[in-house]
Amino acid sequence: MEALQNGTITLALLVGMVSAAVANPNGSAWITDGLTSAQRQEIRQGASKQVDKASPPASFKVVIGEAAPDTLKLQPMPKSVSDQVPAVKPYDFAMLENRVLIVDPKSKEIIDIIPR
């Protein structure tokens, strides 16, 4: 019986964490939740130094979980950034409307947004 209660509590906590991430689609997702403000600043500064600007379709809305359009120029995370913030090393990024979009290079899904 105790194992069942512990399992139920664990499941409830996991569902709550997922719900919190989904409830804030324009805010930070799991990657930057644990980052310090200095690490976020490192990502913003490093990304802005190497940005190639491209315009997405007018109908594109920047939302975590959405796929980045093909017209949005994605770039590998700069080495200087991934050396300082290893959590972002496997991801690409794009700058759009003064925000850094962190994108999964395989699925093209926006997995985090760092405001400027």
N, C-alpha and C. Protein backbone atom coordinates (compact mmCIF):
# COMPACT_ATOMS: atom_id res chain seq x y z
N MET A 1 0.82 -1.20 0.00
CA MET A 1 0.00 0.00 0.00
C MET A 1 0.87 1.27 0.00
N GLU A 2 1.95 1.25 0.78
CA GLU A 2 2.83 2.41 0.84
C GLU A 2 3.49 2.66 -0.51
N ALA A 3 3.87 1.59 -1.22
CA ALA A 3 4.48 1.73 -2.54
C ALA A 3 3.50 2.37 -3.51
N LEU A 4 2.23 2.01 -3.41
CA LEU A 4 1.21 2.59 -4.28
C LEU A 4 1.06 4.09 -3.99
N GLN A 5 1.07 4.46 -2.72
CA GLN A 5 0.96 5.88 -2.36
C GLN A 5 2.16 6.66 -2.87
N ASN A 6 3.36 6.09 -2.70
CA ASN A 6 4.57 6.77 -3.19
C ASN A 6 4.54 6.93 -4.70
N GLY A 7 4.08 5.90 -5.40
CA GLY A 7 3.96 5.97 -6.85
C GLY A 7 2.97 7.03 -7.29
N THR A 8 1.86 7.11 -6.56
CA THR A 8 0.83 8.11 -6.88
C THR A 8 1.36 9.52 -6.65
N ILE A 9 2.09 9.71 -5.58
CA ILE A 9 2.67 11.03 -5.28
C ILE A 9 3.68 11.41 -6.36
N THR A 10 4.53 10.47 -6.75
CA THR A 10 5.52 10.73 -7.79
C THR A 10 4.85 11.10 -9.10
N LEU A 11 3.81 10.37 -9.47
CA LEU A 11 3.08 10.66 -10.70
C LEU A 11 2.46 12.05 -10.64
N ALA A 12 1.88 12.40 -9.51
CA ALA A 12 1.26 13.72 -9.37
C ALA A 12 2.29 14.83 -9.52
N LEU A 13 3.48 14.64 -8.95
CA LEU A 13 4.54 15.64 -9.09
C LEU A 13 4.98 15.79 -10.53
N LEU A 14 5.14 14.67 -11.24
CA LEU A 14 5.55 14.73 -12.64
C LEU A 14 4.50 15.42 -13.50
N VAL A 15 3.24 15.10 -13.28
CA VAL A 15 2.16 15.74 -14.03
C VAL A 15 2.15 17.23 -13.76
N GLY A 16 2.38 17.61 -12.53
CA GLY A 16 2.43 19.03 -12.18
C GLY A 16 3.54 19.76 -12.87
N MET A 17 4.71 19.12 -12.96
CA MET A 17 5.85 19.75 -13.63
C MET A 17 5.58 19.92 -15.12
N VAL A 18 5.00 18.92 -15.75
CA VAL A 18 4.68 19.01 -17.18
C VAL A 18 3.63 20.09 -17.40
N SER A 19 2.62 20.12 -16.55
CA SER A 19 1.56 21.13 -16.68
C SER A 19 2.12 22.53 -16.54
N ALA A 20 3.05 22.72 -15.64
CA ALA A 20 3.65 24.05 -15.45
C ALA A 20 4.41 24.48 -16.70
N ALA A 21 5.11 23.57 -17.33
CA ALA A 21 5.85 23.91 -18.54
C ALA A 21 4.91 24.24 -19.68
N VAL A 22 3.81 23.51 -19.80
CA VAL A 22 2.85 23.76 -20.88
C VAL A 22 2.05 25.02 -20.61
N ALA A 23 1.80 25.32 -19.35
CA ALA A 23 0.97 26.48 -19.00
C ALA A 23 1.64 27.79 -19.33
N ASN A 24 2.94 27.81 -19.52
CA ASN A 24 3.67 29.04 -19.80
C ASN A 24 4.37 28.92 -21.15
N PRO A 25 3.61 28.87 -22.25
CA PRO A 25 4.22 28.60 -23.54
C PRO A 25 5.16 29.68 -24.05
N ASN A 26 5.02 30.91 -23.60
CA ASN A 26 5.90 31.97 -24.07
C ASN A 26 7.03 32.26 -23.12
N GLY A 27 7.10 31.53 -22.04
CA GLY A 27 8.15 31.75 -21.07
C GLY A 27 9.23 30.71 -21.20
N SER A 28 10.04 30.65 -20.20
CA SER A 28 11.17 29.74 -20.20
C SER A 28 10.71 28.30 -20.05
N ALA A 29 11.36 27.42 -20.74
CA ALA A 29 11.08 25.99 -20.61
C ALA A 29 12.14 25.36 -19.73
N TRP A 30 12.27 24.07 -19.81
CA TRP A 30 13.15 23.34 -18.89
C TRP A 30 14.62 23.72 -19.00
N ILE A 31 15.09 24.14 -20.15
CA ILE A 31 16.52 24.40 -20.29
C ILE A 31 16.96 25.59 -19.44
N THR A 32 16.28 26.69 -19.55
CA THR A 32 16.73 27.88 -18.84
C THR A 32 16.15 28.02 -17.46
N ASP A 33 15.24 27.14 -17.06
CA ASP A 33 14.69 27.24 -15.71
C ASP A 33 15.78 27.16 -14.64
N GLY A 34 16.79 26.33 -14.88
CA GLY A 34 17.85 26.15 -13.89
C GLY A 34 19.07 27.02 -14.10
N LEU A 35 19.02 27.90 -15.07
CA LEU A 35 20.18 28.73 -15.37
C LEU A 35 20.19 29.99 -14.52
N THR A 36 21.39 30.46 -14.25
CA THR A 36 21.52 31.73 -13.54
C THR A 36 21.31 32.88 -14.52
N SER A 37 21.11 34.06 -14.00
CA SER A 37 20.96 35.21 -14.89
C SER A 37 22.25 35.47 -15.67
N ALA A 38 23.39 35.15 -15.07
CA ALA A 38 24.67 35.30 -15.79
C ALA A 38 24.75 34.33 -16.97
N GLN A 39 24.26 33.11 -16.81
CA GLN A 39 24.26 32.16 -17.91
C GLN A 39 23.29 32.59 -19.01
N ARG A 40 22.14 33.10 -18.64
CA ARG A 40 21.20 33.61 -19.65
C ARG A 40 21.82 34.76 -20.42
N GLN A 41 22.53 35.63 -19.70
CA GLN A 41 23.21 36.76 -20.33
C GLN A 41 24.28 36.26 -21.30
N GLU A 42 25.01 35.23 -20.91
CA GLU A 42 26.03 34.63 -21.77
C GLU A 42 25.41 34.12 -23.07
N ILE A 43 24.26 33.47 -22.97
CA ILE A 43 23.57 32.97 -24.17
C ILE A 43 23.14 34.13 -25.05
N ARG A 44 22.52 35.15 -24.46
CA ARG A 44 22.08 36.32 -25.24
C ARG A 44 23.25 37.00 -25.94
N GLN A 45 24.32 37.25 -25.20
CA GLN A 45 25.46 37.95 -25.79
C GLN A 45 26.15 37.12 -26.86
N GLY A 46 26.38 35.85 -26.58
CA GLY A 46 27.05 34.99 -27.55
C GLY A 46 26.24 34.81 -28.81
N ALA A 47 24.94 34.66 -28.67
CA ALA A 47 24.07 34.48 -29.83
C ALA A 47 24.01 35.77 -30.65
N SER A 48 23.92 36.90 -30.00
CA SER A 48 23.79 38.16 -30.74
C SER A 48 25.05 38.50 -31.53
N LYS A 49 26.21 38.00 -31.11
CA LYS A 49 27.45 38.25 -31.83
C LYS A 49 27.54 37.48 -33.14
N GLN A 50 26.85 36.35 -33.23
CA GLN A 50 26.98 35.49 -34.40
C GLN A 50 25.68 35.34 -35.17
N VAL A 51 24.81 36.28 -35.06
CA VAL A 51 23.48 36.13 -35.64
C VAL A 51 23.46 36.48 -37.13
N ASP A 52 22.79 35.65 -37.89
CA ASP A 52 22.42 35.93 -39.27
C ASP A 52 20.92 36.16 -39.26
N LYS A 53 20.50 37.32 -39.65
CA LYS A 53 19.07 37.62 -39.58
C LYS A 53 18.33 37.09 -40.79
N ALA A 54 17.17 36.54 -40.52
CA ALA A 54 16.27 36.06 -41.56
C ALA A 54 14.85 36.33 -41.09
N SER A 55 13.97 36.51 -42.01
CA SER A 55 12.59 36.82 -41.65
C SER A 55 11.71 35.58 -41.80
N PRO A 56 11.01 35.23 -40.73
CA PRO A 56 10.07 34.12 -40.84
C PRO A 56 8.77 34.61 -41.49
N PRO A 57 7.87 33.72 -41.86
CA PRO A 57 6.59 34.15 -42.41
C PRO A 57 5.86 35.05 -41.42
N ALA A 58 5.08 35.97 -41.93
CA ALA A 58 4.36 36.91 -41.07
C ALA A 58 3.43 36.20 -40.10
N SER A 59 2.93 35.05 -40.47
CA SER A 59 1.98 34.33 -39.61
C SER A 59 2.67 33.53 -38.51
N PHE A 60 4.00 33.45 -38.50
CA PHE A 60 4.72 32.66 -37.51
C PHE A 60 4.66 33.31 -36.15
N LYS A 61 4.26 32.53 -35.15
CA LYS A 61 4.24 33.00 -33.77
C LYS A 61 5.28 32.23 -32.99
N VAL A 62 6.07 32.95 -32.22
CA VAL A 62 7.13 32.33 -31.44
C VAL A 62 6.51 31.69 -30.20
N VAL A 63 6.43 30.36 -30.23
CA VAL A 63 5.83 29.61 -29.13
C VAL A 63 6.67 28.36 -28.90
N ILE A 64 6.97 28.11 -27.63
CA ILE A 64 7.68 26.88 -27.29
C ILE A 64 6.85 25.69 -27.73
N GLY A 65 7.50 24.74 -28.38
CA GLY A 65 6.81 23.55 -28.86
C GLY A 65 6.46 23.61 -30.33
N GLU A 66 6.47 24.81 -30.91
CA GLU A 66 6.18 24.95 -32.34
C GLU A 66 7.45 24.72 -33.14
N ALA A 67 7.28 24.31 -34.38
CA ALA A 67 8.42 24.11 -35.26
C ALA A 67 8.87 25.46 -35.83
N ALA A 68 10.16 25.65 -35.89
CA ALA A 68 10.71 26.86 -36.51
C ALA A 68 10.51 26.74 -38.02
N PRO A 69 10.07 27.82 -38.67
CA PRO A 69 9.89 27.74 -40.12
C PRO A 69 11.22 27.58 -40.85
N ASP A 70 11.15 27.00 -42.03
CA ASP A 70 12.37 26.76 -42.82
C ASP A 70 13.09 28.06 -43.18
N THR A 71 12.36 29.16 -43.26
CA THR A 71 12.98 30.43 -43.63
C THR A 71 13.76 31.07 -42.47
N LEU A 72 13.60 30.54 -41.27
CA LEU A 72 14.32 31.08 -40.13
C LEU A 72 15.72 30.48 -40.10
N LYS A 73 16.73 31.31 -40.15
CA LYS A 73 18.12 30.86 -40.19
C LYS A 73 18.54 30.33 -38.82
N LEU A 74 18.73 29.01 -38.74
CA LEU A 74 19.21 28.39 -37.51
C LEU A 74 20.71 28.22 -37.59
N GLN A 75 21.37 28.44 -36.46
CA GLN A 75 22.82 28.32 -36.39
C GLN A 75 23.20 27.46 -35.19
N PRO A 76 24.31 26.76 -35.28
CA PRO A 76 24.78 26.01 -34.11
C PRO A 76 25.07 26.97 -32.96
N MET A 77 24.87 26.50 -31.75
CA MET A 77 25.17 27.33 -30.59
C MET A 77 26.67 27.65 -30.62
N PRO A 78 27.04 28.91 -30.45
CA PRO A 78 28.46 29.26 -30.47
C PRO A 78 29.24 28.49 -29.41
N LYS A 79 30.45 28.08 -29.75
CA LYS A 79 31.29 27.32 -28.82
C LYS A 79 31.55 28.09 -27.54
N SER A 80 31.73 29.39 -27.66
CA SER A 80 31.97 30.20 -26.46
C SER A 80 30.79 30.12 -25.49
N VAL A 81 29.58 29.99 -26.04
CA VAL A 81 28.38 29.87 -25.20
C VAL A 81 28.28 28.47 -24.61
N SER A 82 28.43 27.45 -25.46
CA SER A 82 28.27 26.08 -24.96
C SER A 82 29.38 25.69 -23.98
N ASP A 83 30.54 26.33 -24.09
CA ASP A 83 31.60 26.10 -23.10
C ASP A 83 31.19 26.64 -21.72
N GLN A 84 30.50 27.77 -21.73
CA GLN A 84 30.07 28.39 -20.48
C GLN A 84 28.75 27.81 -19.96
N VAL A 85 27.88 27.37 -20.88
CA VAL A 85 26.56 26.85 -20.53
C VAL A 85 26.36 25.52 -21.26
N PRO A 86 26.92 24.44 -20.73
CA PRO A 86 26.90 23.15 -21.42
C PRO A 86 25.49 22.63 -21.75
N ALA A 87 24.48 23.04 -21.01
CA ALA A 87 23.11 22.56 -21.24
C ALA A 87 22.61 22.91 -22.64
N VAL A 88 23.15 23.95 -23.26
CA VAL A 88 22.66 24.37 -24.57
C VAL A 88 23.53 23.87 -25.73
N LYS A 89 24.56 23.12 -25.43
CA LYS A 89 25.50 22.68 -26.45
C LYS A 89 24.85 21.93 -27.62
N PRO A 90 23.90 21.01 -27.39
CA PRO A 90 23.37 20.24 -28.52
C PRO A 90 22.34 20.99 -29.37
N TYR A 91 22.06 22.24 -29.06
CA TYR A 91 20.97 22.94 -29.73
C TYR A 91 21.45 24.01 -30.70
N ASP A 92 20.57 24.33 -31.62
CA ASP A 92 20.76 25.46 -32.52
C ASP A 92 20.05 26.67 -31.92
N PHE A 93 20.29 27.82 -32.53
CA PHE A 93 19.59 29.01 -32.07
C PHE A 93 19.26 29.90 -33.25
N ALA A 94 18.35 30.81 -33.01
CA ALA A 94 18.03 31.87 -33.96
C ALA A 94 17.67 33.10 -33.15
N MET A 95 17.94 34.26 -33.70
CA MET A 95 17.53 35.51 -33.06
C MET A 95 16.30 36.01 -33.80
N LEU A 96 15.29 36.37 -33.04
CA LEU A 96 14.06 36.88 -33.64
C LEU A 96 13.42 37.84 -32.67
N GLU A 97 13.16 39.04 -33.14
CA GLU A 97 12.50 40.05 -32.32
C GLU A 97 13.20 40.22 -30.97
N ASN A 98 14.51 40.31 -31.00
CA ASN A 98 15.33 40.50 -29.81
C ASN A 98 15.22 39.37 -28.80
N ARG A 99 14.86 38.19 -29.26
CA ARG A 99 14.82 37.01 -28.39
C ARG A 99 15.69 35.92 -29.00
N VAL A 100 16.29 35.13 -28.13
CA VAL A 100 17.07 33.98 -28.58
C VAL A 100 16.13 32.77 -28.54
N LEU A 101 15.94 32.15 -29.69
CA LEU A 101 15.14 30.94 -29.75
C LEU A 101 16.12 29.76 -29.71
N ILE A 102 15.94 28.86 -28.78
CA ILE A 102 16.77 27.66 -28.71
C ILE A 102 15.95 26.55 -29.37
N VAL A 103 16.57 25.91 -30.37
CA VAL A 103 15.84 25.01 -31.26
C VAL A 103 16.54 23.65 -31.32
N ASP A 104 15.72 22.60 -31.25
CA ASP A 104 16.25 21.24 -31.43
C ASP A 104 16.61 21.09 -32.90
N PRO A 105 17.86 20.81 -33.24
CA PRO A 105 18.26 20.76 -34.65
C PRO A 105 17.62 19.62 -35.44
N LYS A 106 17.21 18.56 -34.77
CA LYS A 106 16.61 17.43 -35.48
C LYS A 106 15.14 17.66 -35.78
N SER A 107 14.38 18.07 -34.78
CA SER A 107 12.93 18.24 -34.96
C SER A 107 12.56 19.65 -35.38
N LYS A 108 13.47 20.60 -35.25
CA LYS A 108 13.25 22.03 -35.51
C LYS A 108 12.26 22.66 -34.52
N GLU A 109 11.99 21.95 -33.43
CA GLU A 109 11.06 22.44 -32.41
C GLU A 109 11.74 23.50 -31.56
N ILE A 110 11.02 24.59 -31.29
CA ILE A 110 11.50 25.63 -30.38
C ILE A 110 11.35 25.06 -28.97
N ILE A 111 12.47 24.92 -28.29
CA ILE A 111 12.40 24.33 -26.97
C ILE A 111 12.61 25.34 -25.84
N ASP A 112 13.03 26.52 -26.21
CA ASP A 112 13.15 27.56 -25.19
C ASP A 112 13.28 28.92 -25.86
N ILE A 113 12.92 29.94 -25.11
CA ILE A 113 12.99 31.33 -25.58
C ILE A 113 13.65 32.14 -24.47
N ILE A 114 14.70 32.84 -24.82
CA ILE A 114 15.36 33.71 -23.85
C ILE A 114 15.13 35.14 -24.29
N PRO A 115 14.34 35.90 -23.51
CA PRO A 115 14.09 37.29 -23.90
C PRO A 115 15.35 38.13 -23.77
N ARG A 116 15.39 39.19 -24.52
CA ARG A 116 16.56 40.06 -24.49
C ARG A 116 16.51 41.03 -23.36
